[in-house]
PDB file of N, CA and C in Angstrom:
ATOM      1  N   MET A   1      26.477 -56.457  -2.354  1.00  0.00           N
ATOM      2  CA  MET A   1      26.495 -57.562  -1.296  1.00  0.00           C
ATOM      3  C   MET A   1      25.394 -58.413  -1.212  1.00  0.00           C
ATOM      4  N   THR A   2      25.864 -59.904  -0.941  1.00  0.00           N
ATOM      5  CA  THR A   2      24.352 -60.745  -0.863  1.00  0.00           C
ATOM      6  C   THR A   2      24.000 -60.355   0.296  1.00  0.00           C
ATOM      7  N   LEU A   3      24.486 -60.101   1.917  1.00  0.00           N
ATOM      8  CA  LEU A   3      24.664 -60.147   3.029  1.00  0.00           C
ATOM      9  C   LEU A   3      23.776 -58.974   3.012  1.00  0.00           C
ATOM     10  N   ASP A   4      23.788 -58.130   2.418  1.00  0.00           N
ATOM     11  CA  ASP A   4      23.265 -56.604   2.352  1.00  0.00           C
ATOM     12  C   ASP A   4      21.875 -56.790   2.010  1.00  0.00           C
ATOM     13  N   LYS A   5      21.859 -57.848   0.918  1.00  0.00           N
ATOM     14  CA  LYS A   5      20.013 -58.170   0.285  1.00  0.00           C
ATOM     15  C   LYS A   5      19.569 -58.974   1.440  1.00  0.00           C
ATOM     16  N   VAL A   6      20.254 -59.685   1.693  1.00  0.00           N
ATOM     17  CA  VAL A   6      19.054 -60.317   3.022  1.00  0.00           C
ATOM     18  C   VAL A   6      18.638 -58.737   4.159  1.00  0.00           C
ATOM     19  N   ARG A   7      19.654 -58.485   4.392  1.00  0.00           N
ATOM     20  CA  ARG A   7      19.310 -57.467   5.591  1.00  0.00           C
ATOM     21  C   ARG A   7      17.974 -56.474   5.187  1.00  0.00           C
ATOM     22  N   SER A   8      17.968 -56.136   3.938  1.00  0.00           N
ATOM     23  CA  SER A   8      17.127 -55.403   3.531  1.00  0.00           C
ATOM     24  C   SER A   8      16.077 -55.826   2.850  1.00  0.00           C
ATOM     25  N   GLY A   9      15.618 -57.019   2.941  1.00  0.00           N
ATOM     26  CA  GLY A   9      14.892 -58.137   2.880  1.00  0.00           C
ATOM     27  C   GLY A   9      14.473 -58.471   0.993  1.00  0.00           C
ATOM     28  N   ARG A  10      15.712 -57.824   0.549  1.00  0.00           N
ATOM     29  CA  ARG A  10      15.618 -58.006  -0.721  1.00  0.00           C
ATOM     30  C   ARG A  10      16.073 -60.137  -1.154  1.00  0.00           C
ATOM     31  N   LEU A  11      16.267 -60.348  -0.414  1.00  0.00           N
ATOM     32  CA  LEU A  11      16.560 -61.720  -0.217  1.00  0.00           C
ATOM     33  C   LEU A  11      16.138 -62.404   0.938  1.00  0.00           C
ATOM     34  N   ALA A  12      15.924 -63.488   0.989  1.00  0.00           N
ATOM     35  CA  ALA A  12      15.072 -64.085   1.791  1.00  0.00           C
ATOM     36  C   ALA A  12      15.776 -65.582   1.925  1.00  0.00           C
ATOM     37  N   PRO A  13      16.946 -66.361   2.268  1.00  0.00           N
ATOM     38  CA  PRO A  13      17.243 -67.341   2.252  1.00  0.00           C
ATOM     39  C   PRO A  13      16.824 -68.060   3.803  1.00  0.00           C
ATOM     40  N   GLU A  14      16.602 -69.288   3.614  1.00  0.00           N
ATOM     41  CA  GLU A  14      16.457 -70.336   5.047  1.00  0.00           C
ATOM     42  C   GLU A  14      17.249 -70.450   5.408  1.00  0.00           C
ATOM     43  N   SER A  15      18.580 -70.788   5.244  1.00  0.00           N
ATOM     44  CA  SER A  15      19.923 -70.560   5.542  1.00  0.00           C
ATOM     45  C   SER A  15      20.931 -70.087   4.874  1.00  0.00           C
ATOM     46  N   ILE A  16      21.844 -70.228   5.877  1.00  0.00           N
ATOM     47  CA  ILE A  16      23.345 -69.295   4.809  1.00  0.00           C
ATOM     48  C   ILE A  16      24.348 -70.436   5.461  1.00  0.00           C
ATOM     49  N   THR A  17      25.341 -70.858   4.720  1.00  0.00           N
ATOM     50  CA  THR A  17      26.393 -71.761   5.022  1.00  0.00           C
ATOM     51  C   THR A  17      27.601 -71.533   4.652  1.00  0.00           C
ATOM     52  N   VAL A  18      28.624 -70.820   4.960  1.00  0.00           N
ATOM     53  CA  VAL A  18      29.825 -70.281   4.917  1.00  0.00           C
ATOM     54  C   VAL A  18      31.112 -71.596   5.238  1.00  0.00           C
ATOM     55  N   ARG A  19      31.481 -71.769   4.309  1.00  0.00           N
ATOM     56  CA  ARG A  19      33.020 -72.808   4.862  1.00  0.00           C
ATOM     57  C   ARG A  19      34.024 -71.737   4.178  1.00  0.00           C
ATOM     58  N   LEU A  20      35.119 -72.028   4.956  1.00  0.00           N
ATOM     59  CA  LEU A  20      36.299 -71.019   4.830  1.00  0.00           C
ATOM     60  C   LEU A  20      37.556 -72.195   5.003  1.00  0.00           C
ATOM     61  N   LEU A  21      37.834 -72.186   3.744  1.00  0.00           N
ATOM     62  CA  LEU A  21      39.726 -73.009   3.795  1.00  0.00           C
ATOM     63  C   LEU A  21      40.518 -72.210   3.612  1.00  0.00           C
ATOM     64  N   LEU A  22      41.097 -72.168   5.436  1.00  0.00           N
ATOM     65  CA  LEU A  22      42.259 -71.137   4.904  1.00  0.00           C
ATOM     66  C   LEU A  22      43.991 -71.757   4.936  1.00  0.00           C
ATOM     67  N   PRO A  23      44.435 -71.350   5.215  1.00  0.00           N
ATOM     68  CA  PRO A  23      46.497 -71.828   4.654  1.00  0.00           C
ATOM     69  C   PRO A  23      46.294 -72.244   6.562  1.00  0.00           C
ATOM     70  N   ASP A  24      47.318 -73.265   6.450  1.00  0.00           N
ATOM     71  CA  ASP A  24      48.128 -73.546   8.152  1.00  0.00           C
ATOM     72  C   ASP A  24      49.276 -72.695   7.596  1.00  0.00           C
ATOM     73  N   THR A  25      49.370 -71.915   9.196  1.00  0.00           N
ATOM     74  CA  THR A  25      50.728 -70.650   9.134  1.00  0.00           C
ATOM     75  C   THR A  25      51.063 -70.933   9.933  1.00  0.00           C
ATOM     76  N   THR A  26      51.508 -72.698  10.579  1.00  0.00           N
ATOM     77  CA  THR A  26      51.962 -72.811  11.426  1.00  0.00           C
ATOM     78  C   THR A  26      53.372 -73.309  10.715  1.00  0.00           C
ATOM     79  N   ALA A  27      53.132 -73.635   9.308  1.00  0.00           N
ATOM     80  CA  ALA A  27      54.170 -74.267   9.385  1.00  0.00           C
ATOM     81  C   ALA A  27      54.869 -73.238   8.032  1.00  0.00           C
ATOM     82  N   PRO A  28      55.814 -73.737   7.436  1.00  0.00           N
ATOM     83  CA  PRO A  28      56.595 -72.509   5.847  1.00  0.00           C
ATOM     84  C   PRO A  28      55.747 -73.229   4.944  1.00  0.00           C
ATOM     85  N   MET A  29      55.126 -71.640   4.129  1.00  0.00           N
ATOM     86  CA  MET A  29      54.396 -71.764   3.177  1.00  0.00           C
ATOM     87  C   MET A  29      54.976 -71.402   1.708  1.00  0.00           C
ATOM     88  N   ALA A  30      54.014 -71.244   0.867  1.00  0.00           N
ATOM     89  CA  ALA A  30      55.312 -70.812  -0.362  1.00  0.00           C
ATOM     90  C   ALA A  30      55.389 -69.276  -0.669  1.00  0.00           C
ATOM     91  N   VAL A  31      53.886 -68.744  -0.031  1.00  0.00           N
ATOM     92  CA  VAL A  31      54.192 -67.335   0.157  1.00  0.00           C
ATOM     93  C   VAL A  31      53.415 -67.113   1.456  1.00  0.00           C
ATOM     94  N   PRO A  32      53.891 -66.526   2.020  1.00  0.00           N
ATOM     95  CA  PRO A  32      54.166 -65.094   1.847  1.00  0.00           C
ATOM     96  C   PRO A  32      55.858 -65.694   2.456  1.00  0.00           C
ATOM     97  N   VAL A  33      57.134 -65.318   1.631  1.00  0.00           N
ATOM     98  CA  VAL A  33      58.234 -65.526   1.486  1.00  0.00           C
ATOM     99  C   VAL A  33      59.061 -64.311   1.340  1.00  0.00           C
ATOM    100  N   LEU A  34      60.306 -64.163   2.031  1.00  0.00           N
ATOM    101  CA  LEU A  34      61.067 -63.426   1.664  1.00  0.00           C
ATOM    102  C   LEU A  34      61.868 -63.303   0.343  1.00  0.00           C
ATOM    103  N   VAL A  35      61.766 -62.034   0.011  1.00  0.00           N
ATOM    104  CA  VAL A  35      62.830 -62.081  -1.500  1.00  0.00           C
ATOM    105  C   VAL A  35      63.624 -62.760  -1.335  1.00  0.00           C
ATOM    106  N   ASP A  36      64.453 -62.268  -0.393  1.00  0.00           N
ATOM    107  CA  ASP A  36      66.436 -62.801  -0.189  1.00  0.00           C
ATOM    108  C   ASP A  36      66.539 -64.135  -0.119  1.00  0.00           C
ATOM    109  N   GLY A  37      66.329 -65.010  -0.807  1.00  0.00           N
ATOM    110  CA  GLY A  37      66.493 -66.440  -0.635  1.00  0.00           C
ATOM    111  C   GLY A  37      65.456 -66.856  -0.858  1.00  0.00           C
ATOM    112  N   LEU A  38      64.298 -66.621  -0.750  1.00  0.00           N
ATOM    113  CA  LEU A  38      62.612 -67.359  -0.908  1.00  0.00           C
ATOM    114  C   LEU A  38      63.091 -68.339   0.405  1.00  0.00           C
ATOM    115  N   GLN A  39      63.576 -67.473   1.516  1.00  0.00           N
ATOM    116  CA  GLN A  39      63.296 -67.981   2.836  1.00  0.00           C
ATOM    117  C   GLN A  39      61.953 -67.807   3.603  1.00  0.00           C
ATOM    118  N   ASP A  40      61.779 -68.655   4.612  1.00  0.00           N
ATOM    119  CA  ASP A  40      60.323 -68.722   5.340  1.00  0.00           C
ATOM    120  C   ASP A  40      60.588 -67.146   6.608  1.00  0.00           C
ATOM    121  N   GLU A  41      59.739 -66.825   7.083  1.00  0.00           N
ATOM    122  CA  GLU A  41      60.214 -65.861   8.089  1.00  0.00           C
ATOM    123  C   GLU A  41      58.551 -65.948   9.006  1.00  0.00           C
ATOM    124  N   ALA A  42      58.574 -66.593   9.889  1.00  0.00           N
ATOM    125  CA  ALA A  42      57.904 -67.071  11.023  1.00  0.00           C
ATOM    126  C   ALA A  42      56.999 -65.463  11.451  1.00  0.00           C
ATOM    127  N   ALA A  43      57.731 -64.198  11.536  1.00  0.00           N
ATOM    128  CA  ALA A  43      56.823 -62.829  11.543  1.00  0.00           C
ATOM    129  C   ALA A  43      55.707 -62.915  10.407  1.00  0.00           C
ATOM    130  N   LEU A  44      55.885 -63.046   9.051  1.00  0.00           N
ATOM    131  CA  LEU A  44      55.318 -63.000   7.763  1.00  0.00           C
ATOM    132  C   LEU A  44      53.859 -63.783   8.205  1.00  0.00           C
ATOM    133  N   ARG A  45      54.346 -65.363   8.569  1.00  0.00           N
ATOM    134  CA  ARG A  45      53.232 -66.139   8.657  1.00  0.00           C
ATOM    135  C   ARG A  45      52.182 -65.746   9.515  1.00  0.00           C
ATOM    136  N   GLN A  46      52.857 -65.190  10.794  1.00  0.00           N
ATOM    137  CA  GLN A  46      52.070 -64.849  11.872  1.00  0.00           C
ATOM    138  C   GLN A  46      51.025 -63.493  11.381  1.00  0.00           C
ATOM    139  N   ARG A  47      51.648 -62.640  10.819  1.00  0.00           N
ATOM    140  CA  ARG A  47      51.154 -61.540  10.091  1.00  0.00           C
ATOM    141  C   ARG A  47      49.922 -62.112   8.933  1.00  0.00           C
ATOM    142  N   ALA A  48      50.348 -63.401   8.473  1.00  0.00           N
ATOM    143  CA  ALA A  48      49.257 -63.809   7.148  1.00  0.00           C
ATOM    144  C   ALA A  48      47.938 -64.290   8.160  1.00  0.00           C
ATOM    145  N   ARG A  49      48.644 -64.912   9.200  1.00  0.00           N
ATOM    146  CA  ARG A  49      47.546 -65.689  10.111  1.00  0.00           C
ATOM    147  C   ARG A  49      46.529 -64.897  10.741  1.00  0.00           C
ATOM    148  N   ASN A  50      46.996 -63.321  11.168  1.00  0.00           N
ATOM    149  CA  ASN A  50      46.275 -62.426  11.872  1.00  0.00           C
ATOM    150  C   ASN A  50      45.487 -61.975  10.958  1.00  0.00           C
ATOM    151  N   ILE A  51      45.508 -61.540   9.484  1.00  0.00           N
ATOM    152  CA  ILE A  51      44.954 -61.391   8.381  1.00  0.00           C
ATOM    153  C   ILE A  51      43.630 -62.147   8.040  1.00  0.00           C
ATOM    154  N   ALA A  52      44.085 -63.195   8.020  1.00  0.00           N
ATOM    155  CA  ALA A  52      42.950 -64.781   7.586  1.00  0.00           C
ATOM    156  C   ALA A  52      41.677 -64.697   8.740  1.00  0.00           C
ATOM    157  N   LEU A  53      42.745 -64.378   9.854  1.00  0.00           N
ATOM    158  CA  LEU A  53      41.959 -64.455  11.280  1.00  0.00           C
ATOM    159  C   LEU A  53      40.760 -63.762  11.227  1.00  0.00           C
ATOM    160  N   THR A  54      41.268 -62.169  11.419  1.00  0.00           N
ATOM    161  CA  THR A  54      40.391 -60.795  10.982  1.00  0.00           C
ATOM    162  C   THR A  54      39.261 -60.988  10.374  1.00  0.00           C
ATOM    163  N   ASN A  55      39.677 -61.488   8.852  1.00  0.00           N
ATOM    164  CA  ASN A  55      38.517 -61.621   7.757  1.00  0.00           C
ATOM    165  C   ASN A  55      37.791 -62.718   7.758  1.00  0.00           C
ATOM    166  N   ALA A  56      38.032 -63.900   8.697  1.00  0.00           N
ATOM    167  CA  ALA A  56      37.547 -65.051   9.268  1.00  0.00           C
ATOM    168  C   ALA A  56      36.502 -64.603   9.972  1.00  0.00           C
ATOM    169  N   GLY A  57      36.587 -63.810  11.471  1.00  0.00           N
ATOM    170  CA  GLY A  57      36.240 -63.471  12.144  1.00  0.00           C
ATOM    171  C   GLY A  57      34.904 -62.244  11.857  1.00  0.00           C
ATOM    172  N   GLY A  58      35.316 -61.391  10.976  1.00  0.00           N
ATOM    173  CA  GLY A  58      34.165 -60.685  10.115  1.00  0.00           C
ATOM    174  C   GLY A  58      33.100 -61.221   9.499  1.00  0.00           C
ATOM    175  N   ILE A  59      33.574 -62.329   8.657  1.00  0.00           N
ATOM    176  CA  ILE A  59      32.342 -62.834   7.825  1.00  0.00           C
ATOM    177  C   ILE A  59      31.372 -63.797   8.838  1.00  0.00           C
ATOM    178  N   ALA A  60      32.353 -64.099   9.596  1.00  0.00           N
ATOM    179  CA  ALA A  60      31.358 -65.238  10.740  1.00  0.00           C
ATOM    180  C   ALA A  60      30.736 -63.974  11.556  1.00  0.00           C
ATOM    181  N   HIS A  61      31.086 -62.888  11.911  1.00  0.00           N
ATOM    182  CA  HIS A  61      29.968 -62.149  12.619  1.00  0.00           C
ATOM    183  C   HIS A  61      28.628 -61.857  11.811  1.00  0.00           C
ATOM    184  N   SER A  62      29.165 -61.519  10.733  1.00  0.00           N
ATOM    185  CA  SER A  62      27.983 -60.707   9.684  1.00  0.00           C
ATOM    186  C   SER A  62      27.084 -61.938   9.374  1.00  0.00           C
ATOM    187  N   VAL A  63      27.476 -63.054   9.351  1.00  0.00           N
ATOM    188  CA  VAL A  63      26.576 -64.018   8.986  1.00  0.00           C
ATOM    189  C   VAL A  63      26.027 -64.677  10.234  1.00  0.00           C
ATOM    190  N   GLU A  64      26.400 -64.914  11.180  1.00  0.00           N
ATOM    191  CA  GLU A  64      25.715 -65.255  12.306  1.00  0.00           C
ATOM    192  C   GLU A  64      24.742 -63.808  12.761  1.00  0.00           C
ATOM    193  N   MET A  65      24.984 -62.571  12.411  1.00  0.00           N
ATOM    194  CA  MET A  65      24.065 -61.602  12.936  1.00  0.00           C
ATOM    195  C   MET A  65      22.758 -61.746  12.401  1.00  0.00           C
ATOM    196  N   LEU A  66      22.887 -62.464  10.973  1.00  0.00           N
ATOM    197  CA  LEU A  66      21.566 -62.371  10.209  1.00  0.00           C
ATOM    198  C   LEU A  66      20.577 -63.433  10.827  1.00  0.00           C
ATOM    199  N   ALA A  67      21.113 -64.447  11.682  1.00  0.00           N
ATOM    200  CA  ALA A  67      20.890 -65.657  12.403  1.00  0.00           C
ATOM    201  C   ALA A  67      19.745 -64.695  13.559  1.00  0.00           C
ATOM    202  N   GLU A  68      20.671 -63.785  14.552  1.00  0.00           N
ATOM    203  CA  GLU A  68      20.250 -63.384  15.429  1.00  0.00           C
ATOM    204  C   GLU A  68      19.303 -62.479  15.499  1.00  0.00           C
ATOM    205  N   LEU A  69      19.316 -61.806  14.051  1.00  0.00           N
ATOM    206  CA  LEU A  69      18.233 -60.609  13.708  1.00  0.00           C
ATOM    207  C   LEU A  69      16.902 -61.274  13.235  1.00  0.00           C
ATOM    208  N   GLY A  70      16.741 -62.617  13.187  1.00  0.00           N
ATOM    209  CA  GLY A  70      15.993 -63.500  12.785  1.00  0.00           C
ATOM    210  C   GLY A  70      15.500 -63.037  11.115  1.00  0.00           C
ATOM    211  N   LEU A  71      16.560 -62.729  10.012  1.00  0.00           N
ATOM    212  CA  LEU A  71      16.607 -62.694   9.196  1.00  0.00           C
ATOM    213  C   LEU A  71      16.666 -64.265   8.278  1.00  0.00           C
ATOM    214  N   VAL A  72      17.482 -65.448   8.897  1.00  0.00           N
ATOM    215  CA  VAL A  72      17.435 -66.363   8.484  1.00  0.00           C
ATOM    216  C   VAL A  72      17.150 -67.283   9.851  1.00  0.00           C
ATOM    217  N   GLN A  73      16.607 -68.642   9.349  1.00  0.00           N
ATOM    218  CA  GLN A  73      16.685 -69.510  10.428  1.00  0.00           C
ATOM    219  C   GLN A  73      17.209 -70.113  10.908  1.00  0.00           C
ATOM    220  N   LYS A  74      19.009 -70.213  10.062  1.00  0.00           N
ATOM    221  CA  LYS A  74      19.954 -71.107  10.206  1.00  0.00           C
ATOM    222  C   LYS A  74      21.064 -70.206   9.572  1.00  0.00           C
ATOM    223  N   ALA A  75      22.259 -70.216  10.233  1.00  0.00           N
ATOM    224  CA  ALA A  75      23.249 -69.345   9.846  1.00  0.00           C
ATOM    225  C   ALA A  75      24.502 -70.368  10.549  1.00  0.00           C
ATOM    226  N   SER A  76      25.181 -70.303   9.828  1.00  0.00           N
ATOM    227  CA  SER A  76      26.612 -71.334  10.059  1.00  0.00           C
ATOM    228  C   SER A  76      27.715 -71.233   9.091  1.00  0.00           C
ATOM    229  N   VAL A  77      29.062 -70.639  10.039  1.00  0.00           N
ATOM    230  CA  VAL A  77      30.726 -70.484   9.584  1.00  0.00           C
ATOM    231  C   VAL A  77      30.752 -71.753  10.040  1.00  0.00           C
ATOM    232  N   GLN A  78      32.242 -72.066   9.068  1.00  0.00           N
ATOM    233  CA  GLN A  78      32.899 -73.324   9.214  1.00  0.00           C
ATOM    234  C   GLN A  78      34.274 -73.103   8.601  1.00  0.00           C
ATOM    235  N   VAL A  79      35.528 -73.054   9.415  1.00  0.00           N
ATOM    236  CA  VAL A  79      36.581 -72.761   9.401  1.00  0.00           C
ATOM    237  C   VAL A  79      37.618 -73.948   8.848  1.00  0.00           C
ATOM    238  N   LYS A  80      38.100 -74.207   7.929  1.00  0.00           N
ATOM    239  CA  LYS A  80      39.751 -75.241   8.076  1.00  0.00           C
ATOM    240  C   LYS A  80      40.681 -74.847   7.727  1.00  0.00           C
ATOM    241  N   VAL A  81      41.716 -75.520   7.913  1.00  0.00           N
ATOM    242  CA  VAL A  81      42.661 -74.958   7.361  1.00  0.00           C
ATOM    243  C   VAL A  81      43.311 -76.384   6.470  1.00  0.00           C
ATOM    244  N   HIS A  82      44.604 -75.682   5.804  1.00  0.00           N
ATOM    245  CA  HIS A  82      44.981 -76.660   4.744  1.00  0.00           C
ATOM    246  C   HIS A  82      46.939 -76.573   4.789  1.00  0.00           C
ATOM    247  N   ARG A  83      47.334 -77.524   4.169  1.00  0.00           N
ATOM    248  CA  ARG A  83      49.124 -77.218   4.070  1.00  0.00           C
ATOM    249  C   ARG A  83      49.298 -76.379   3.309  1.00  0.00           C
ATOM    250  N   ALA A  84      48.494 -75.521   2.350  1.00  0.00           N
ATOM    251  CA  ALA A  84      48.852 -74.529   0.810  1.00  0.00           C
ATOM    252  C   ALA A  84      48.774 -73.446   1.262  1.00  0.00           C
ATOM    253  N   SER A  85      49.678 -72.727   0.599  1.00  0.00           N
ATOM    254  CA  SER A  85      49.509 -71.357   0.418  1.00  0.00           C
ATOM    255  C   SER A  85      47.993 -70.609  -0.480  1.00  0.00           C
ATOM    256  N   SER A  86      47.014 -69.842   0.100  1.00  0.00           N
ATOM    257  CA  SER A  86      46.118 -69.524  -0.797  1.00  0.00           C
ATOM    258  C   SER A  86      46.335 -68.487  -2.182  1.00  0.00           C
ATOM    259  N   LEU A  87      46.043 -69.566  -3.001  1.00  0.00           N
ATOM    260  CA  LEU A  87      46.593 -68.439  -4.403  1.00  0.00           C
ATOM    261  C   LEU A  87      45.304 -67.969  -5.149  1.00  0.00           C
ATOM    262  N   PHE A  88      44.198 -68.357  -4.496  1.00  0.00           N
ATOM    263  CA  PHE A  88      43.212 -68.024  -5.378  1.00  0.00           C
ATOM    264  C   PHE A  88      42.278 -68.246  -4.614  1.00  0.00           C
ATOM    265  N   LYS A  89      41.112 -67.322  -4.657  1.00  0.00           N
ATOM    266  CA  LYS A  89      39.876 -67.798  -4.098  1.00  0.00           C
ATOM    267  C   LYS A  89      38.466 -68.455  -4.832  1.00  0.00           C
ATOM    268  N   LEU A  90      37.757 -69.009  -4.527  1.00  0.00           N
ATOM    269  CA  LEU A  90      36.824 -69.585  -5.237  1.00  0.00           C
ATOM    270  C   LEU A  90      35.490 -69.708  -4.415  1.00  0.00           C
ATOM    271  N   TYR A  91      34.044 -69.163  -4.477  1.00  0.00           N
ATOM    272  CA  TYR A  91      33.144 -68.829  -4.489  1.00  0.00           C
ATOM    273  C   TYR A  91      32.387 -69.970  -4.896  1.00  0.00           C
ATOM    274  N   ILE A  92      31.595 -70.905  -4.443  1.00  0.00           N
ATOM    275  CA  ILE A  92      30.650 -71.674  -5.008  1.00  0.00           C
ATOM    276  C   ILE A  92      29.462 -71.136  -4.028  1.00  0.00           C
ATOM    277  N   LEU A  93      27.959 -71.146  -4.685  1.00  0.00           N
ATOM    278  CA  LEU A  93      27.089 -70.474  -4.091  1.00  0.00           C
ATOM    279  C   LEU A  93      25.889 -71.550  -4.602  1.00  0.00           C
ATOM    280  N   ASN A  94      25.307 -72.020  -3.724  1.00  0.00           N
ATOM    281  CA  ASN A  94      24.295 -73.332  -3.955  1.00  0.00           C
ATOM    282  C   ASN A  94      24.586 -73.889  -4.877  1.00  0.00           C
ATOM    283  N   ARG A  95      25.526 -74.783  -4.611  1.00  0.00           N
ATOM    284  CA  ARG A  95      26.173 -75.882  -5.681  1.00  0.00           C
ATOM    285  C   ARG A  95      26.424 -75.646  -7.034  1.00  0.00           C
ATOM    286  N   SER A  96      25.869 -74.364  -7.344  1.00  0.00           N
ATOM    287  CA  SER A  96      25.321 -74.482  -8.715  1.00  0.00           C
ATOM    288  C   SER A  96      26.108 -73.081  -9.817  1.00  0.00           C
ATOM    289  N   GLU A  97      26.793 -72.714  -8.982  1.00  0.00           N
ATOM    290  CA  GLU A  97      27.387 -71.295  -9.680  1.00  0.00           C
ATOM    291  C   GLU A  97      28.647 -71.421  -8.935  1.00  0.00           C
ATOM    292  N   ALA A  98      29.866 -70.750  -9.800  1.00  0.00           N
ATOM    293  CA  ALA A  98      31.256 -71.126  -9.201  1.00  0.00           C
ATOM    294  C   ALA A  98      31.575 -69.449  -9.484  1.00  0.00           C
ATOM    295  N   PHE A  99      32.057 -69.074  -8.674  1.00  0.00           N
ATOM    296  CA  PHE A  99      33.148 -67.723  -9.047  1.00  0.00           C
ATOM    297  C   PHE A  99      34.581 -67.907  -8.388  1.00  0.00           C
ATOM    298  N   PHE A 100      35.364 -67.603  -9.776  1.00  0.00           N
ATOM    299  CA  PHE A 100      37.421 -68.080  -9.086  1.00  0.00           C
ATOM    300  C   PHE A 100      37.957 -66.785  -9.734  1.00  0.00           C
ATOM    301  N   GLY A 101      38.818 -66.974  -9.087  1.00  0.00           N
ATOM    302  CA  GLY A 101      39.881 -65.542  -8.891  1.00  0.00           C
ATOM    303  C   GLY A 101      41.359 -65.838  -8.743  1.00  0.00           C
ATOM    304  N   PHE A 102      42.161 -65.955  -9.201  1.00  0.00           N
ATOM    305  CA  PHE A 102      43.604 -65.752  -8.885  1.00  0.00           C
ATOM    306  C   PHE A 102      44.240 -64.587  -7.896  1.00  0.00           C
ATOM    307  N   TYR A 103      44.633 -64.830  -6.951  1.00  0.00           N
ATOM    308  CA  TYR A 103      45.424 -63.836  -6.221  1.00  0.00           C
ATOM    309  C   TYR A 103      46.411 -63.182  -6.869  1.00  0.00           C
ATOM    310  N   PRO A 104      46.897 -62.230  -7.313  1.00  0.00           N
ATOM    311  CA  PRO A 104      47.964 -61.751  -7.779  1.00  0.00           C
ATOM    312  C   PRO A 104      49.191 -61.661  -6.786  1.00  0.00           C
ATOM    313  N   LEU A 105      50.746 -62.240  -7.050  1.00  0.00           N
ATOM    314  CA  LEU A 105      51.766 -62.377  -6.548  1.00  0.00           C
ATOM    315  C   LEU A 105      52.279 -60.959  -6.505  1.00  0.00           C
ATOM    316  N   ARG A 106      52.565 -60.499  -5.477  1.00  0.00           N
ATOM    317  CA  ARG A 106      53.650 -59.104  -5.440  1.00  0.00           C
ATOM    318  C   ARG A 106      54.903 -58.809  -4.291  1.00  0.00           C
ATOM    319  N   GLU A 107      55.535 -58.414  -4.687  1.00  0.00           N
ATOM    320  CA  GLU A 107      57.088 -58.158  -3.733  1.00  0.00           C
ATOM    321  C   GLU A 107      56.379 -57.138  -3.474  1.00  0.00           C
ATOM    322  N   ARG A 108      56.441 -56.863  -2.199  1.00  0.00           N
ATOM    323  CA  ARG A 108      56.001 -56.215  -0.772  1.00  0.00           C
ATOM    324  C   ARG A 108      57.666 -55.858   0.058  1.00  0.00           C
ATOM    325  N   THR A 109      56.891 -54.645   0.561  1.00  0.00           N
ATOM    326  CA  THR A 109      57.712 -54.182   1.740  1.00  0.00           C
ATOM    327  C   THR A 109      56.925 -53.511   3.079  1.00  0.00           C
ATOM    328  N   VAL A 110      56.664 -54.333   4.200  1.00  0.00           N
ATOM    329  CA  VAL A 110      56.094 -54.004   5.456  1.00  0.00           C
ATOM    330  C   VAL A 110      56.963 -54.203   6.831  1.00  0.00           C
ATOM    331  N   SER A 111      56.631 -53.069   7.643  1.00  0.00           N
ATOM    332  CA  SER A 111      57.418 -52.892   9.197  1.00  0.00           C
ATOM    333  C   SER A 111      56.868 -54.095   9.908  1.00  0.00           C
ATOM    334  N   ILE A 112      57.453 -55.406  10.398  1.00  0.00           N
ATOM    335  CA  ILE A 112      56.884 -55.798  11.598  1.00  0.00           C
ATOM    336  C   ILE A 112      57.663 -55.676  12.528  1.00  0.00           C
ATOM    337  N   ASP A 113      56.981 -55.087  13.734  1.00  0.00           N
ATOM    338  CA  ASP A 113      57.879 -54.952  14.810  1.00  0.00           C
ATOM    339  C   ASP A 113      59.267 -54.108  14.383  1.00  0.00           C
ATOM    340  N   GLY A 114      59.253 -52.488  13.821  1.00  0.00           N
ATOM    341  CA  GLY A 114      59.756 -52.211  13.855  1.00  0.00           C
ATOM    342  C   GLY A 114      61.019 -52.472  12.416  1.00  0.00           C
ATOM    343  N   THR A 115      61.130 -54.133  12.189  1.00  0.00           N
ATOM    344  CA  THR A 115      61.828 -54.082  11.145  1.00  0.00           C
ATOM    345  C   THR A 115      61.309 -54.085   9.576  1.00  0.00           C
ATOM    346  N   ALA A 116      61.876 -53.534   8.846  1.00  0.00           N
ATOM    347  CA  ALA A 116      61.477 -53.702   7.040  1.00  0.00           C
ATOM    348  C   ALA A 116      61.603 -55.399   6.916  1.00  0.00           C
ATOM    349  N   HIS A 117      60.339 -55.944   6.593  1.00  0.00           N
ATOM    350  CA  HIS A 117      60.677 -57.273   5.152  1.00  0.00           C
ATOM    351  C   HIS A 117      60.229 -57.057   4.342  1.00  0.00           C
ATOM    352  N   THR A 118      60.808 -57.380   3.059  1.00  0.00           N
ATOM    353  CA  THR A 118      60.787 -57.541   2.035  1.00  0.00           C
ATOM    354  C   THR A 118      60.055 -59.168   1.604  1.00  0.00           C
ATOM    355  N   PHE A 119      59.111 -58.939   0.634  1.00  0.00           N
ATOM    356  CA  PHE A 119      58.829 -60.447   0.736  1.00  0.00           C
ATOM    357  C   PHE A 119      57.537 -60.194  -0.644  1.00  0.00           C
ATOM    358  N   TYR A 120      57.735 -61.754  -0.809  1.00  0.00           N
ATOM    359  CA  TYR A 120      56.498 -62.279  -1.754  1.00  0.00           C
ATOM    360  C   TYR A 120      55.482 -61.821  -1.290  1.00  0.00           C
ATOM    361  N   ASP A 121      53.984 -62.035  -1.468  1.00  0.00           N
ATOM    362  CA  ASP A 121      52.610 -61.945  -0.629  1.00  0.00           C
ATOM    363  C   ASP A 121      51.559 -61.870  -2.097  1.00  0.00           C
ATOM    364  N   VAL A 122      50.735 -62.726  -1.983  1.00  0.00           N
ATOM    365  CA  VAL A 122      48.923 -62.840  -2.786  1.00  0.00           C
ATOM    366  C   VAL A 122      48.712 -61.371  -2.347  1.00  0.00           C
ATOM    367  N   THR A 123      47.765 -60.605  -2.965  1.00  0.00           N
ATOM    368  CA  THR A 123      47.180 -59.555  -2.715  1.00  0.00           C
ATOM    369  C   THR A 123      45.688 -59.599  -3.251  1.00  0.00           C
ATOM    370  N   GLY A 124      44.924 -59.259  -2.465  1.00  0.00           N
ATOM    371  CA  GLY A 124      43.524 -59.356  -3.310  1.00  0.00           C
ATOM    372  C   GLY A 124      42.538 -59.379  -2.475  1.00  0.00           C
TER     373      GLY A 124
END
């Protein structure tokens, strides 16, 4: 992982900027959606929000820690939301390299507050 290379001294960038574009979970989305009738379920959107915030927080902590340790001069993480489901991930490095991959769509069943929900969701 690139952050590990910075921590070990194998990479020494002056700055690291991470921009995350996450789905707006306050409104119905294409996924997650209940299998039965393809209906929106607020509990599934809240679950998606919790996962996204946990992951974004971990990324922010890892990047900001590099600046705190003096391994980079400047480190920043910016998070914005948009009105669509995340169906793929895209990484752009130094404005010159791009890595792209679709999130597979799967039917899943999870328990939320003791109630089973069967829904379509992205994984990856």
